[in-house]
C-alpha atoms as a PDB file:
ATOM      1  CA  MET A   1       1.151  15.643  -5.377  1.00  0.00           C
ATOM      2  CA  LYS A   2       1.955  16.040  -1.745  1.00  0.00           C
ATOM      3  CA  PRO A   3       5.339  14.865  -0.432  1.00  0.00           C
ATOM      4  CA  LEU A   4       5.624  11.491   1.291  1.00  0.00           C
ATOM      5  CA  THR A   5       7.063  10.716   4.691  1.00  0.00           C
ATOM      6  CA  ASP A   6       9.957   8.246   4.779  1.00  0.00           C
ATOM      7  CA  GLU A   7       7.565   5.494   5.881  1.00  0.00           C
ATOM      8  CA  GLU A   8       5.041   6.267   3.142  1.00  0.00           C
ATOM      9  CA  GLY A   9       7.847   6.254   0.572  1.00  0.00           C
ATOM     10  CA  ALA A  10       9.013   2.821   1.747  1.00  0.00           C
ATOM     11  CA  VAL A  11       5.461   1.485   1.520  1.00  0.00           C
ATOM     12  CA  LEU A  12       4.990   2.936  -1.974  1.00  0.00           C
ATOM     13  CA  ARG A  13       8.274   1.392  -3.179  1.00  0.00           C
ATOM     14  CA  GLU A  14       7.239  -2.051  -1.905  1.00  0.00           C
ATOM     15  CA  LEU A  15       3.747  -1.656  -3.355  1.00  0.00           C
ATOM     16  CA  THR A  16       5.306  -0.730  -6.714  1.00  0.00           C
ATOM     17  CA  ARG A  17       7.606  -3.757  -6.560  1.00  0.00           C
ATOM     18  CA  LEU A  18       4.668  -6.073  -5.838  1.00  0.00           C
ATOM     19  CA  ALA A  19       2.580  -4.510  -8.598  1.00  0.00           C
ATOM     20  CA  GLY A  20       5.171  -5.292 -11.261  1.00  0.00           C
ATOM     21  CA  ASN A  21       5.182  -3.942 -14.788  1.00  0.00           C
ATOM     22  CA  ASP A  22       1.419  -3.520 -15.075  1.00  0.00           C
ATOM     23  CA  ARG A  23       1.477  -1.296 -11.949  1.00  0.00           C
ATOM     24  CA  ILE A  24      -1.639  -3.024 -10.570  1.00  0.00           C
ATOM     25  CA  VAL A  25      -1.899  -5.162  -7.449  1.00  0.00           C
ATOM     26  CA  THR A  26      -4.957  -6.667  -5.759  1.00  0.00           C
ATOM     27  CA  GLY A  27      -5.823  -6.942  -2.113  1.00  0.00           C
ATOM     28  CA  LEU A  28      -5.521 -10.732  -2.323  1.00  0.00           C
ATOM     29  CA  GLU A  29      -1.972 -10.423  -3.652  1.00  0.00           C
ATOM     30  CA  LEU A  30      -1.103  -8.063  -0.804  1.00  0.00           C
ATOM     31  CA  LEU A  31      -2.571 -10.522   1.676  1.00  0.00           C
ATOM     32  CA  ASP A  32      -0.555 -13.387   0.181  1.00  0.00           C
ATOM     33  CA  GLN A  33       2.641 -11.319   0.427  1.00  0.00           C
ATOM     34  CA  GLY A  34       2.089 -10.309   4.071  1.00  0.00           C
ATOM     35  CA  PHE A  35       1.939  -6.631   3.117  1.00  0.00           C
ATOM     36  CA  ALA A  36       0.172  -5.581   6.329  1.00  0.00           C
ATOM     37  CA  ASP A  37       3.019  -7.061   8.385  1.00  0.00           C
ATOM     38  CA  PHE A  38       5.525  -5.232   6.177  1.00  0.00           C
ATOM     39  CA  ILE A  39       3.760  -1.934   6.880  1.00  0.00           C
ATOM     40  CA  SER A  40       3.743  -2.680  10.619  1.00  0.00           C
ATOM     41  CA  LYS A  41       7.521  -3.158  10.487  1.00  0.00           C
ATOM     42  CA  VAL A  42       8.031   0.051   8.494  1.00  0.00           C
ATOM     43  CA  TYR A  43       6.077   2.039  11.081  1.00  0.00           C
ATOM     44  CA  GLN A  44       7.567  -0.010  13.940  1.00  0.00           C
ATOM     45  CA  LYS A  45       4.113  -0.781  15.324  1.00  0.00           C
ATOM     46  CA  ARG A  46       2.867  -3.949  16.967  1.00  0.00           C
ATOM     47  CA  LEU A  47      -0.832  -4.171  16.275  1.00  0.00           C
ATOM     48  CA  GLY A  48      -3.491  -6.752  16.921  1.00  0.00           C
ATOM     49  CA  TYR A  49      -4.973  -5.984  13.522  1.00  0.00           C
ATOM     50  CA  PRO A  50      -2.240  -4.767  11.131  1.00  0.00           C
ATOM     51  CA  GLY A  51      -4.763  -4.622   8.292  1.00  0.00           C
ATOM     52  CA  SER A  52      -6.141  -1.397   9.743  1.00  0.00           C
ATOM     53  CA  LEU A  53      -2.741   0.299   9.429  1.00  0.00           C
ATOM     54  CA  GLN A  54      -2.439  -1.037   5.876  1.00  0.00           C
ATOM     55  CA  SER A  55      -5.850   0.343   4.986  1.00  0.00           C
ATOM     56  CA  ARG A  56      -5.084   3.764   6.444  1.00  0.00           C
ATOM     57  CA  THR A  57      -1.669   3.931   4.743  1.00  0.00           C
ATOM     58  CA  LEU A  58      -3.169   3.056   1.357  1.00  0.00           C
ATOM     59  CA  GLN A  59      -5.826   5.748   1.864  1.00  0.00           C
ATOM     60  CA  ILE A  60      -3.084   8.290   2.563  1.00  0.00           C
ATOM     61  CA  LEU A  61      -1.232   7.285  -0.620  1.00  0.00           C
ATOM     62  CA  ARG A  62      -4.500   7.655  -2.527  1.00  0.00           C
ATOM     63  CA  ASP A  63      -5.253  11.046  -0.996  1.00  0.00           C
ATOM     64  CA  LYS A  64      -1.758  12.261  -1.880  1.00  0.00           C
ATOM     65  CA  GLY A  65      -2.286  11.126  -5.489  1.00  0.00           C
ATOM     66  CA  TYR A  66       0.200   8.242  -5.702  1.00  0.00           C
ATOM     67  CA  ILE A  67      -2.269   5.377  -6.162  1.00  0.00           C
ATOM     68  CA  LYS A  68      -5.827   4.771  -7.349  1.00  0.00           C
ATOM     69  CA  MET A  69      -8.072   2.441  -5.388  1.00  0.00           C
ATOM     70  CA  GLU A  70     -11.001   0.427  -6.734  1.00  0.00           C
ATOM     71  CA  ARG A  71     -13.406  -1.937  -5.008  1.00  0.00           C
ATOM     72  CA  ARG A  72     -12.943  -4.924  -7.296  1.00  0.00           C
ATOM     73  CA  ASN A  73     -11.104  -8.167  -6.579  1.00  0.00           C
ATOM     74  CA  ARG A  74     -11.133  -7.382  -2.843  1.00  0.00           C
ATOM     75  CA  GLY A  75      -9.409  -4.104  -3.620  1.00  0.00           C
ATOM     76  CA  THR A  76      -7.370  -3.169  -6.656  1.00  0.00           C
ATOM     77  CA  TYR A  77      -4.548  -0.666  -6.371  1.00  0.00           C
ATOM     78  CA  THR A  78      -2.998   1.069  -9.373  1.00  0.00           C
ATOM     79  CA  ILE A  79       0.298   2.911  -8.992  1.00  0.00           C
ATOM     80  CA  VAL A  80      -0.028   6.365 -10.518  1.00  0.00           C
ATOM     81  CA  GLN A  81       3.484   7.649  -9.785  1.00  0.00           C
ATOM     82  CA  PRO A  82       6.754   5.674  -9.616  1.00  0.00           C
END
C-alpha cells in the first residue's frame, strides 16, 4: 500500500467512521452525511461541485489499496485497511 497524505488520511478515517463495524458504506449514505462537503473542508477547497473532489479522492484511496469500490447501490465502498 502506498502512503497517504494528511488529507487522504483524514478522509479515510471519516469514511471508516461512517462505515461502522461492517466496514461498508454506500454512496447514498455518504450523500446523506454531507461527505463531499467534509472532503472540501479537509482540502480547504470551495467548489461548485464538491462531488467531483469526493469522487477523485475515493479513486485515489482505491488506487492506493485502502478501499474497494463497487457500482451497486449508487456506489458501495468497502474499507480494506483501518
